[in-house]
Amino acid sequence: MTGVRATARITAAPDSRGGTALPELVGDGPLALRRTRSSEGATARVTVVGAMSAPLGGDHLAIHAAVLPGAALRVDAAAATVSLPGRSGEPAHYEVRLTVGEDAVLHWLPEPLIAAEGSDLRMTTTAELAPGARLVLREEQILGRAGERPGRLVSRLVVRVGGRPLLDQALSFGPGAPGWSGPAVLHTHRAAGQLLVVDPAFEEKPVSARVLAADPARGEAVLTPLAGPAALLTAAAADGLSLRRLLSASVGP
């Protein structure tokens, strides 16, 4: 088997001063982790920095993040992740595993994932939340760089709260994925994404389903309440900038 195998790990825990400590912050291979300044006093912030081009075909990369009860963590990225073809012709695999304890908060806000021409990436994100945990999770997929055709991208998101399923969905785009560019899916758009917010406040006051579109030619978004303390904002857009604008809409309870 060819390619790089690397797993980065983050553990956030309450400290003795009302903030959040990072007892574990371990990068690996192309996944470098840096503690960066947070504008929120009690929240620790970690930025993922790409130490080399990745993922390439044949790579197996993973990030595991655990937020212990009472802690607050924000994870973002220094730049977009670009999926590239490798010499072996094998797909690349990227796993994100998130665990959020009771009364803990995680903001998982990476930069876009770009499926470059000729690439083949299988992305899996799994989030396990305890009752009372809060999560804000953003995913953005850009199909191809400027002026090129898209690569293949298969993405799955699984979220459980208190061991019960909240969301389990899979997306498949690019060569070999049936119907992805048809009028019922992306049509002429080449950017797709979603913002998931899990918050106990939604138990008392769930969001109302509605369509958001300042300019339908540039993109559209749909806000949907989930059967649990959560709301899902799903968007398709002409480009990454339009997608980010749509996903920046307020989804608070």
Protein backbone atom coordinates (compact mmCIF):
# COMPACT_ATOMS: atom_id res chain seq x y z
CA MET A 1 0.00 0.00 0.00
CA THR A 2 1.40 3.40 -0.96
CA GLY A 3 0.84 6.88 0.44
CA VAL A 4 1.26 8.68 3.74
CA ARG A 5 -0.42 7.52 6.95
CA ALA A 6 -0.82 10.22 9.59
CA THR A 7 -3.11 10.93 12.56
CA ALA A 8 -3.24 14.26 14.41
CA ARG A 9 -4.82 14.44 17.88
CA ILE A 10 -6.36 17.24 19.93
CA THR A 11 -7.69 17.00 23.48
CA ALA A 12 -9.27 20.02 25.17
CA ALA A 13 -9.98 20.09 28.92
CA PRO A 14 -11.11 22.71 31.45
CA ASP A 15 -8.25 24.42 33.26
CA SER A 16 -8.18 25.80 36.80
CA ARG A 17 -8.79 29.42 35.68
CA GLY A 18 -12.14 29.03 33.92
CA GLY A 19 -10.58 28.51 30.50
CA THR A 20 -9.58 25.56 28.36
CA ALA A 21 -6.23 23.76 28.29
CA LEU A 22 -4.84 21.53 25.56
CA PRO A 23 -3.21 18.55 27.29
CA GLU A 24 -2.82 16.84 23.92
CA LEU A 25 -1.89 18.68 20.72
CA VAL A 26 -0.04 16.33 18.40
CA GLY A 27 0.42 16.89 14.67
CA ASP A 28 1.56 14.19 12.30
CA GLY A 29 2.85 14.12 8.73
CA PRO A 30 1.14 16.84 6.66
CA LEU A 31 -1.17 17.78 9.57
CA ALA A 32 0.58 20.38 11.74
CA LEU A 33 -1.39 21.80 14.69
CA ARG A 34 -0.81 25.23 16.20
CA ARG A 35 -2.45 26.82 19.23
CA THR A 36 -3.49 30.30 18.11
CA ARG A 37 -4.96 33.30 19.88
CA SER A 38 -8.68 33.13 20.58
CA SER A 39 -10.99 36.12 20.77
CA GLU A 40 -13.18 34.18 23.22
CA GLY A 41 -11.57 34.04 26.65
CA ALA A 42 -12.73 30.58 27.75
CA THR A 43 -12.24 28.96 24.33
CA ALA A 44 -9.00 27.36 23.15
CA ARG A 45 -8.24 27.79 19.46
CA VAL A 46 -6.27 25.40 17.27
CA THR A 47 -5.33 26.05 13.63
CA VAL A 48 -4.51 23.19 11.27
CA VAL A 49 -1.53 24.06 9.06
CA GLY A 50 -0.63 21.95 6.03
CA ALA A 51 3.00 20.90 6.33
CA MET A 52 3.07 19.37 2.82
CA SER A 53 0.77 18.77 -0.14
CA ALA A 54 -1.98 16.39 0.98
CA PRO A 55 -4.09 14.43 0.64
CA LEU A 56 -2.61 12.70 -2.39
CA GLY A 57 -3.97 9.49 -3.88
CA GLY A 58 -3.15 6.60 -1.54
CA ASP A 59 -2.84 8.77 1.59
CA HIS A 60 -4.69 7.87 4.80
CA LEU A 61 -5.04 10.96 7.01
CA ALA A 62 -7.01 11.49 10.21
CA ILE A 63 -7.71 14.13 12.84
CA HIS A 64 -9.17 13.08 16.19
CA ALA A 65 -10.45 15.84 18.49
CA ALA A 66 -11.91 15.32 21.96
CA VAL A 67 -13.49 18.13 23.99
CA LEU A 68 -13.88 17.00 27.59
CA PRO A 69 -16.90 18.01 29.70
CA GLY A 70 -16.99 21.75 30.38
CA ALA A 71 -14.26 22.67 27.86
CA ALA A 72 -14.60 24.88 24.76
CA LEU A 73 -12.57 24.46 21.56
CA ARG A 74 -12.46 26.14 18.17
CA VAL A 75 -10.60 24.41 15.33
CA ASP A 76 -9.96 26.19 12.04
CA ALA A 77 -7.39 25.99 9.23
CA ALA A 78 -4.74 28.24 7.75
CA ALA A 79 -5.72 27.41 4.15
CA ALA A 80 -7.96 25.26 2.02
CA THR A 81 -7.28 21.54 1.71
CA VAL A 82 -6.60 20.47 -1.89
CA SER A 83 -7.15 16.83 -2.83
CA LEU A 84 -4.62 15.85 -5.50
CA PRO A 85 -4.04 12.76 -7.65
CA GLY A 86 -1.27 10.39 -6.61
CA ARG A 87 1.04 8.12 -8.58
CA SER A 88 -0.66 4.90 -7.46
CA GLY A 89 -4.13 5.71 -8.79
CA GLU A 90 -5.60 4.76 -5.39
CA PRO A 91 -8.15 7.01 -3.64
CA ALA A 92 -7.08 9.09 -0.66
CA HIS A 93 -8.87 8.74 2.68
CA TYR A 94 -9.40 11.48 5.24
CA GLU A 95 -11.11 10.74 8.57
CA VAL A 96 -12.28 13.31 11.11
CA ARG A 97 -13.44 11.95 14.48
CA LEU A 98 -14.95 14.39 16.98
CA THR A 99 -16.03 13.74 20.57
CA VAL A 100 -17.78 16.44 22.61
CA GLY A 101 -18.54 15.89 26.30
CA GLU A 102 -21.39 17.13 28.45
CA ASP A 103 -21.64 20.94 28.57
CA ALA A 104 -18.66 21.18 26.21
CA VAL A 105 -18.52 23.30 23.05
CA LEU A 106 -16.78 22.59 19.74
CA HIS A 107 -16.60 24.89 16.73
CA TRP A 108 -15.20 22.84 13.83
CA LEU A 109 -14.60 25.36 11.04
CA PRO A 110 -12.06 24.17 8.45
CA GLU A 111 -11.41 25.99 5.21
CA PRO A 112 -12.87 24.52 1.97
CA LEU A 113 -11.94 21.13 0.59
CA ILE A 114 -11.03 21.44 -3.10
CA ALA A 115 -11.28 18.34 -5.31
CA ALA A 116 -8.63 19.02 -7.98
CA GLU A 117 -8.89 17.41 -11.41
CA GLY A 118 -7.82 13.76 -11.37
CA SER A 119 -8.09 13.39 -7.59
CA ASP A 120 -10.17 10.80 -5.73
CA LEU A 121 -10.94 11.43 -2.04
CA ARG A 122 -13.11 9.58 0.47
CA MET A 123 -13.89 11.87 3.42
CA THR A 124 -15.61 10.71 6.61
CA THR A 125 -16.57 12.90 9.56
CA THR A 126 -18.02 11.32 12.71
CA ALA A 127 -19.17 13.36 15.71
CA GLU A 128 -20.22 11.82 19.03
CA LEU A 129 -21.92 14.30 21.36
CA ALA A 130 -22.97 13.86 24.96
CA PRO A 131 -26.32 15.29 26.05
CA GLY A 132 -25.92 19.02 26.64
CA ALA A 133 -22.97 19.34 24.26
CA ARG A 134 -22.88 22.06 21.61
CA LEU A 135 -21.39 21.78 18.13
CA VAL A 136 -20.98 24.13 15.18
CA LEU A 137 -19.62 22.23 12.18
CA ARG A 138 -19.00 23.64 8.71
CA GLU A 139 -18.19 21.68 5.56
CA GLU A 140 -17.42 23.26 2.18
CA GLN A 141 -16.61 21.31 -0.99
CA ILE A 142 -15.28 23.02 -4.12
CA LEU A 143 -15.33 20.87 -7.24
CA GLY A 144 -12.18 21.67 -9.19
CA ARG A 145 -9.81 24.61 -9.11
CA ALA A 146 -10.41 27.61 -11.36
CA GLY A 147 -10.65 26.56 -15.00
CA GLU A 148 -10.37 22.80 -14.43
CA ARG A 149 -12.73 19.86 -14.19
CA PRO A 150 -13.57 18.42 -10.77
CA GLY A 151 -12.00 15.42 -9.13
CA ARG A 152 -13.97 12.65 -7.45
CA LEU A 153 -15.19 13.35 -3.92
CA VAL A 154 -17.23 11.08 -1.67
CA SER A 155 -18.11 12.56 1.71
CA ARG A 156 -20.04 11.16 4.67
CA LEU A 157 -21.12 12.95 7.85
CA VAL A 158 -22.41 10.99 10.86
CA VAL A 159 -23.54 12.76 14.05
CA ARG A 160 -24.88 11.11 17.19
CA VAL A 161 -26.16 12.77 20.36
CA GLY A 162 -26.30 10.66 23.50
CA GLY A 163 -25.64 7.60 21.35
CA ARG A 164 -28.70 8.26 19.19
CA PRO A 165 -28.42 9.12 15.47
CA LEU A 166 -28.98 12.78 14.64
CA LEU A 167 -27.66 12.94 11.07
CA ASP A 168 -26.17 10.43 8.65
CA GLN A 169 -25.70 11.61 5.10
CA ALA A 170 -23.40 10.91 2.18
CA LEU A 171 -22.54 13.06 -0.83
CA SER A 172 -20.84 11.96 -4.04
CA PHE A 173 -19.55 14.33 -6.71
CA GLY A 174 -17.35 14.22 -9.79
CA PRO A 175 -16.44 11.52 -12.33
CA GLY A 176 -18.28 8.26 -11.72
CA ALA A 177 -20.93 9.78 -9.43
CA PRO A 178 -24.32 9.41 -11.18
CA GLY A 179 -26.44 12.53 -11.55
CA TRP A 180 -24.32 14.87 -9.46
CA SER A 181 -24.28 17.63 -12.11
CA GLY A 182 -27.94 17.20 -13.11
CA PRO A 183 -30.66 19.77 -12.39
CA ALA A 184 -31.82 17.86 -9.29
CA VAL A 185 -28.39 18.15 -7.61
CA LEU A 186 -25.76 20.82 -8.38
CA HIS A 187 -26.60 21.58 -12.03
CA THR A 188 -24.20 24.38 -13.02
CA HIS A 189 -22.95 25.02 -9.48
CA ARG A 190 -19.52 23.77 -8.44
CA ALA A 191 -19.57 24.42 -4.70
CA ALA A 192 -21.60 22.67 -2.00
CA GLY A 193 -21.60 22.80 1.75
CA GLN A 194 -23.44 22.71 5.02
CA LEU A 195 -23.45 24.24 8.47
CA LEU A 196 -24.66 22.03 11.30
CA VAL A 197 -25.52 23.60 14.67
CA VAL A 198 -26.31 21.36 17.64
CA ASP A 199 -27.52 23.33 20.66
CA PRO A 200 -29.77 22.29 23.58
CA ALA A 201 -31.63 25.61 23.10
CA PHE A 202 -33.25 24.13 19.98
CA GLU A 203 -35.19 21.72 22.21
CA GLU A 204 -37.37 24.60 23.42
CA LYS A 205 -37.24 26.76 20.28
CA PRO A 206 -36.47 24.91 17.02
CA VAL A 207 -35.74 26.86 13.87
CA SER A 208 -38.30 27.26 11.11
CA ALA A 209 -37.57 25.66 7.75
CA ARG A 210 -36.90 28.23 5.06
CA VAL A 211 -35.08 28.88 1.80
CA LEU A 212 -32.26 31.44 1.77
CA ALA A 213 -31.16 32.95 -1.54
CA ALA A 214 -30.02 36.51 -2.08
CA ASP A 215 -29.22 35.69 -5.73
CA PRO A 216 -30.43 32.29 -7.00
CA ALA A 217 -27.98 32.49 -9.91
CA ARG A 218 -25.08 32.52 -7.43
CA GLY A 219 -26.52 29.93 -5.08
CA GLU A 220 -29.27 28.82 -2.75
CA ALA A 221 -29.45 27.52 0.80
CA VAL A 222 -32.09 25.68 2.82
CA LEU A 223 -32.36 25.81 6.61
CA THR A 224 -33.91 22.69 8.12
CA PRO A 225 -34.70 21.76 11.74
CA LEU A 226 -33.53 18.26 12.65
CA ALA A 227 -35.29 15.74 14.87
CA GLY A 228 -33.15 16.68 17.86
CA PRO A 229 -31.53 19.83 19.28
CA ALA A 230 -30.08 20.85 15.90
CA ALA A 231 -30.46 22.81 12.68
CA LEU A 232 -28.87 22.12 9.30
CA LEU A 233 -28.10 24.78 6.70
CA THR A 234 -27.36 23.20 3.30
CA ALA A 235 -26.17 25.23 0.31
CA ALA A 236 -25.11 24.93 -3.33
CA ALA A 237 -23.37 27.82 -5.05
CA ALA A 238 -21.49 28.89 -8.14
CA ASP A 239 -18.20 29.34 -6.30
CA GLY A 240 -16.55 29.21 -2.90
CA LEU A 241 -17.12 32.87 -2.04
CA SER A 242 -20.86 32.63 -2.73
CA LEU A 243 -21.01 29.41 -0.71
CA ARG A 244 -19.32 30.99 2.33
CA ARG A 245 -21.75 33.91 2.23
CA LEU A 246 -24.71 31.55 2.24
CA LEU A 247 -23.28 29.50 5.10
CA SER A 248 -22.70 32.65 7.15
CA ALA A 249 -26.45 33.12 7.67
CA SER A 250 -27.65 33.08 11.26
CA VAL A 251 -29.18 29.78 12.38
CA GLY A 252 -29.54 30.58 16.08
CA PRO A 253 -32.59 29.44 18.00
